[in-house]
Protein backbone atom coordinates (compact mmCIF):
# COMPACT_ATOMS: atom_id res chain seq x y z
CA MET A 1 33.28 -241.51 -257.58
CA SER A 2 34.20 -244.61 -260.25
CA LEU A 3 35.77 -243.94 -263.51
CA ALA A 4 32.25 -246.12 -265.07
CA ALA A 5 30.09 -243.37 -263.11
CA LEU A 6 31.90 -240.46 -264.32
CA TRP A 7 31.64 -242.03 -267.60
CA GLN A 8 27.92 -242.22 -267.75
CA LEU A 9 27.89 -238.97 -265.85
CA PHE A 10 29.73 -237.04 -268.58
CA THR A 11 27.83 -238.91 -271.51
CA LYS A 12 24.62 -237.56 -269.88
CA ILE A 13 25.89 -233.74 -270.03
CA LEU A 14 27.09 -234.44 -273.51
CA ASP A 15 23.71 -235.99 -274.33
CA VAL A 16 21.71 -232.73 -272.99
CA CYS A 17 24.24 -230.12 -274.38
CA ILE A 18 23.92 -231.38 -278.05
CA VAL A 19 19.80 -231.26 -277.77
CA TRP A 20 20.23 -227.73 -276.31
CA MET A 21 22.33 -226.93 -279.03
CA LEU A 22 20.15 -228.14 -282.08
CA PHE A 23 17.08 -226.31 -280.13
CA TYR A 24 19.22 -223.59 -280.64
CA PHE A 25 20.31 -223.25 -284.19
CA VAL A 26 16.32 -224.46 -284.77
CA LEU A 27 14.75 -221.91 -282.48
CA LYS A 28 17.95 -219.10 -284.18
CA ASN A 29 16.70 -220.14 -287.78
CA ILE A 30 13.36 -219.98 -287.40
CA ARG A 31 13.38 -216.59 -285.71
CA ASN A 32 14.61 -215.30 -289.26
CA ASN A 33 12.49 -217.36 -291.43
CA VAL A 34 8.96 -215.96 -291.70
CA LYS A 35 7.76 -218.96 -293.20
CA MET A 36 9.25 -221.16 -290.68
CA ILE A 37 7.22 -218.80 -287.49
CA LEU A 38 4.23 -219.56 -289.57
CA ILE A 39 4.91 -224.00 -289.22
CA VAL A 40 5.34 -222.97 -285.50
CA LYS A 41 1.92 -220.95 -285.25
CA GLY A 42 0.08 -223.56 -287.56
CA VAL A 43 1.63 -226.60 -285.22
CA ILE A 44 1.12 -224.78 -281.86
CA LEU A 45 -2.58 -223.79 -282.84
CA VAL A 46 -3.65 -227.71 -284.15
CA ILE A 47 -2.28 -228.85 -280.50
CA LEU A 48 -4.17 -226.03 -278.88
CA ILE A 49 -7.81 -227.21 -280.61
CA GLU A 50 -6.83 -230.97 -279.77
CA ILE A 51 -6.72 -230.19 -276.32
CA LEU A 52 -9.78 -227.90 -276.43
CA SER A 53 -11.55 -230.86 -278.08
CA LYS A 54 -10.65 -233.29 -275.57
CA ILE A 55 -11.74 -230.69 -272.77
CA LEU A 56 -14.99 -230.11 -274.83
CA ASN A 57 -15.48 -233.89 -275.55
CA LEU A 58 -15.76 -232.96 -279.16
CA TYR A 59 -15.64 -236.07 -281.05
CA THR A 60 -15.88 -234.90 -284.84
CA VAL A 61 -13.27 -232.57 -284.34
CA GLY A 62 -10.99 -234.51 -282.40
CA LEU A 63 -11.31 -237.42 -285.39
CA ILE A 64 -10.07 -234.78 -287.98
CA LEU A 65 -7.52 -233.68 -286.13
CA GLU A 66 -5.85 -237.37 -285.92
CA TYR A 67 -5.82 -237.47 -289.46
CA VAL A 68 -3.91 -234.30 -288.98
CA VAL A 69 -1.63 -235.07 -286.83
CA GLU A 70 -1.03 -238.69 -288.27
CA TRP A 71 -0.41 -237.11 -291.91
CA GLY A 72 0.44 -233.29 -291.06
CA PRO A 73 4.50 -233.94 -290.63
CA LEU A 74 4.59 -235.55 -294.09
CA ALA A 75 2.69 -232.45 -295.42
CA ILE A 76 4.87 -230.03 -293.55
CA ILE A 77 8.14 -231.68 -295.35
CA VAL A 78 6.91 -231.80 -298.80
CA VAL A 79 5.12 -228.12 -298.88
CA PHE A 80 8.11 -226.36 -296.49
CA GLN A 81 10.89 -228.49 -298.25
CA PRO A 82 12.89 -225.39 -299.56
CA GLU A 83 12.25 -223.75 -295.83
CA ILE A 84 13.65 -226.69 -294.27
CA ARG A 85 16.49 -227.19 -296.93
CA ASN A 86 17.49 -223.36 -295.96
CA MET A 87 17.47 -223.86 -292.98
CA LEU A 88 19.77 -227.22 -292.43
CA GLU A 89 21.73 -225.89 -295.32
CA SER A 90 22.23 -222.22 -292.79
CA ILE A 91 23.37 -224.77 -289.82
CA GLY A 92 25.59 -226.49 -292.15
CA ARG A 93 27.33 -223.56 -293.37
CA THR A 94 28.44 -221.64 -289.52
CA GLN A 95 31.39 -221.41 -289.53
CA LEU A 96 33.41 -221.84 -286.05
CA LEU A 97 35.55 -218.51 -286.60
CA GLY A 98 33.92 -215.93 -289.42
CA ARG A 99 36.93 -213.96 -290.77
CA HIS A 100 35.48 -210.53 -289.66
CA LYS A 101 36.54 -211.82 -285.89
CA VAL A 102 40.31 -212.01 -287.00
CA LEU A 103 40.43 -208.85 -287.94
CA THR A 104 42.49 -206.14 -285.89
CA VAL A 105 41.05 -202.82 -284.50
CA ASP A 106 42.74 -201.43 -287.43
CA GLU A 107 41.90 -203.25 -289.74
CA ARG A 108 37.82 -203.10 -289.26
CA GLU A 109 38.22 -198.88 -288.88
CA LYS A 110 40.23 -199.01 -292.16
CA MET A 111 37.18 -201.38 -293.33
CA VAL A 112 34.38 -199.19 -291.92
CA ASN A 113 35.93 -195.84 -293.28
CA GLU A 114 35.99 -197.23 -297.08
CA ILE A 115 32.88 -198.37 -296.80
CA MET A 116 31.53 -195.00 -295.60
CA LYS A 117 33.37 -192.91 -298.10
CA ALA A 118 31.56 -195.26 -300.92
CA VAL A 119 28.35 -194.66 -299.25
CA GLU A 120 28.77 -191.16 -299.11
CA TYR A 121 29.68 -190.55 -302.54
CA LEU A 122 26.52 -193.22 -303.48
CA LYS A 123 24.06 -191.24 -301.71
CA ARG A 124 25.15 -187.97 -302.89
CA ASN A 125 24.83 -189.44 -306.37
CA ARG A 126 21.82 -191.55 -305.65
CA ILE A 127 23.66 -194.60 -307.27
CA GLY A 128 22.33 -197.55 -306.11
CA ALA A 129 24.57 -200.27 -304.22
CA LEU A 130 23.92 -203.44 -302.17
CA MET A 131 26.85 -204.70 -300.21
CA VAL A 132 26.79 -207.81 -297.96
CA ILE A 133 29.04 -208.58 -294.86
CA GLU A 134 29.82 -212.54 -294.42
CA ARG A 135 30.04 -213.17 -290.82
CA ASP A 136 29.36 -216.87 -289.16
CA VAL A 137 27.47 -218.36 -291.51
CA SER A 138 28.80 -218.78 -294.87
CA LEU A 139 27.79 -217.43 -298.32
CA GLN A 140 29.98 -219.66 -300.23
CA GLU A 141 26.54 -220.64 -301.87
CA TYR A 142 26.13 -216.80 -303.76
CA ILE A 143 30.22 -216.05 -304.57
CA ASN A 144 29.89 -219.67 -305.99
CA ARG A 145 27.62 -217.69 -308.84
CA ALA A 146 29.28 -214.64 -308.78
CA THR A 147 32.10 -212.55 -310.82
CA LYS A 148 35.16 -213.24 -308.53
CA ILE A 149 37.06 -210.26 -307.27
CA TYR A 150 39.05 -210.83 -304.27
CA ALA A 151 40.71 -207.53 -303.69
CA ASP A 152 41.21 -205.37 -300.99
CA ILE A 153 37.90 -203.05 -299.92
CA SER A 154 38.18 -199.79 -300.93
CA SER A 155 35.71 -196.62 -301.60
CA GLU A 156 36.87 -196.00 -305.12
CA LEU A 157 36.54 -199.90 -305.96
CA ILE A 158 33.01 -200.00 -304.37
CA SER A 159 31.83 -196.89 -305.98
CA SER A 160 33.27 -197.87 -309.59
CA ILE A 161 31.80 -201.34 -309.23
CA PHE A 162 27.87 -199.62 -308.72
CA PHE A 163 28.73 -196.85 -311.18
CA PRO A 164 26.00 -196.63 -313.73
CA ASN A 165 26.07 -198.89 -316.69
CA ASN A 166 28.77 -201.10 -315.02
CA PRO A 167 27.67 -205.02 -315.64
CA LEU A 168 28.26 -205.50 -312.07
CA HIS A 169 25.61 -202.71 -311.35
CA ASP A 170 22.56 -204.60 -310.77
CA GLY A 171 23.83 -207.03 -308.26
CA GLY A 172 25.66 -206.94 -305.04
CA ILE A 173 29.63 -207.43 -303.44
CA ILE A 174 30.25 -210.11 -300.75
CA ILE A 175 32.62 -208.73 -297.92
CA GLN A 176 34.73 -211.53 -296.47
CA GLY A 177 37.03 -209.87 -293.56
CA ASP A 178 38.46 -206.35 -295.18
CA ARG A 179 38.32 -207.62 -298.87
CA ILE A 180 36.15 -207.85 -301.72
CA THR A 181 35.05 -211.41 -302.80
CA CYS A 182 32.86 -210.83 -305.42
CA ALA A 183 30.53 -208.77 -307.45
CA GLY A 184 27.68 -209.34 -309.15
CA ALA A 185 25.97 -211.48 -306.89
CA VAL A 186 21.80 -212.52 -306.66
CA PHE A 187 20.59 -212.91 -303.72
CA ARG A 188 17.13 -214.88 -302.71
CA THR A 189 14.18 -211.76 -301.92
CA SER A 190 12.61 -211.89 -298.75
CA MET A 191 8.46 -212.86 -298.62
CA ASN A 192 7.82 -210.93 -295.83
CA PRO A 193 4.51 -209.31 -296.00
CA SER A 194 5.57 -206.72 -293.31
CA ILE A 195 8.37 -205.07 -295.77
CA ASN A 196 7.04 -201.77 -297.62
CA LYS A 197 5.81 -202.32 -300.65
CA ARG A 198 7.39 -199.38 -301.79
CA LEU A 199 10.52 -200.51 -301.30
CA GLY A 200 12.10 -202.56 -304.41
CA THR A 201 14.24 -205.79 -305.44
CA ARG A 202 17.46 -204.45 -303.51
CA HIS A 203 15.89 -203.99 -300.16
CA ARG A 204 14.45 -207.24 -300.67
CA ALA A 205 17.63 -209.54 -301.53
CA ALA A 206 18.82 -207.42 -298.67
CA VAL A 207 16.43 -208.73 -295.96
CA GLY A 208 16.47 -211.78 -297.73
CA VAL A 209 19.79 -212.63 -296.93
CA ALA A 210 19.60 -211.47 -293.51
CA GLU A 211 16.85 -213.75 -293.10
CA GLU A 212 18.69 -216.69 -293.65
CA SER A 213 22.19 -216.07 -292.81
CA ASP A 214 23.71 -213.70 -289.95
CA ALA A 215 25.10 -211.44 -293.08
CA LEU A 216 25.00 -207.77 -292.67
CA ALA A 217 23.61 -206.10 -295.36
CA LEU A 218 24.00 -202.34 -296.59
CA ILE A 219 21.69 -200.41 -298.77
CA VAL A 220 21.84 -197.30 -300.64
CA SER A 221 18.87 -196.68 -302.89
CA GLU A 222 19.00 -195.58 -307.04
CA GLU A 223 15.83 -193.27 -306.50
CA THR A 224 16.02 -191.44 -303.14
CA GLY A 225 19.54 -191.88 -302.25
CA ARG A 226 18.32 -193.14 -298.62
CA ILE A 227 20.67 -195.69 -296.91
CA SER A 228 19.82 -199.18 -294.73
CA ILE A 229 20.78 -202.00 -292.95
CA ALA A 230 19.75 -205.26 -292.87
CA SER A 231 20.60 -207.41 -289.93
CA ASN A 232 18.99 -210.50 -288.17
CA GLY A 233 16.24 -210.52 -290.80
CA LYS A 234 14.94 -206.82 -289.70
CA LEU A 235 15.50 -203.81 -292.06
CA GLU A 236 16.20 -199.94 -290.53
CA HIS A 237 15.03 -198.12 -293.64
CA ASN A 238 16.38 -194.09 -294.09
CA LEU A 239 18.88 -193.65 -291.99
CA THR A 240 21.25 -190.34 -291.33
CA LEU A 241 25.24 -191.07 -292.23
CA ASP A 242 25.90 -190.78 -288.34
CA GLU A 243 23.38 -193.40 -287.65
CA PHE A 244 24.65 -195.67 -290.58
CA ARG A 245 28.08 -195.37 -289.00
CA MET A 246 27.55 -196.26 -286.05
CA ARG A 247 25.36 -199.01 -286.50
CA LEU A 248 27.70 -200.89 -288.85
CA MET A 249 30.57 -200.13 -286.10
CA GLU A 250 28.42 -201.73 -283.63
CA GLU A 251 27.89 -204.72 -285.97
CA MET A 252 31.36 -205.03 -287.10
CA LYS A 253 32.50 -205.41 -283.04
CA PRO A 254 32.90 -209.13 -282.30
CA LYS A 255 31.11 -209.94 -279.48
CA ALA A 256 33.68 -210.80 -277.29
CA GLU A 257 34.73 -207.26 -277.33
CA VAL A 258 31.38 -205.71 -276.52
CA PHE A 259 31.48 -207.82 -273.17
CA TYR A 260 34.77 -206.36 -272.45
CA ALA A 261 33.86 -203.15 -272.90
CA SER A 262 31.32 -203.31 -270.46
CA ASP A 263 32.97 -205.24 -267.88
CA ALA A 264 35.54 -202.26 -268.27
CA ASP A 265 32.60 -199.62 -268.07
CA GLY A 266 31.33 -201.21 -265.06
CA ASP A 267 35.14 -201.32 -263.02
CA ASP A 268 35.27 -197.68 -263.84
CA GLU A 269 32.08 -196.92 -262.80
CA GLY A 270 32.45 -198.48 -259.44
CA ILE A 271 13.63 -196.49 -299.70
CA GLY A 272 11.37 -196.81 -304.99
CA ASP A 273 11.48 -198.81 -307.83
CA GLU A 274 12.72 -202.13 -308.77
CA HIS A 275 16.34 -200.97 -309.18
CA GLU A 276 15.93 -199.49 -305.67
């Protein structure tokens, strides 16, 4: 095979890889964004109706749909501009190597233990808290507007930040790697209608940051002391301490480590109110 043929083959493979990568990021962000899901459903519905109008020869419906198809993309860009912008920003904020991935096993265990000590204290005393752990998607947008701390993670520091009457009590903290980067962070709340209406702003903010990024949000209810975890746009509410610890440890494991663990196994076998 000549050099020109090899180059042509390489460019075709690169072309396909780039397209699939774009599809992957778009679908990933659509899955975690309620409004983007509605856009996709609406587009699919319009396409199905247009196909049906052609089959049944529905002239008026077909004429209307021609205008919808012609002006629809522009209308979507105007109406859903914030969601499209957020999706593009999320793609741009994706980091090649998140700080959580470079932690050693001992550092991860220490981090989980310190968080669990704080969660137990907050739960027992019914002190509200929101802790967000950054992963591959950068949360710098929220860090820039919050109060910087840059301190090693400890249960005492977390408990003192969320202690009632502390100026930073109502916001959330952002954890990068094994350090608390900032406190008093304010996140966009989720508009997902499926969230229990009894849950307050803290839970909706946790789901909101989990919808627009791959961050892990940990919540302690101020009213009930119940603990929850939000990830991938979903909320796991009212967990026990053991369930909470297991989910936290599972989410903190790098994906590669999970694959290695599964391979090894195969070889061996043969939530209240607005302050909640």
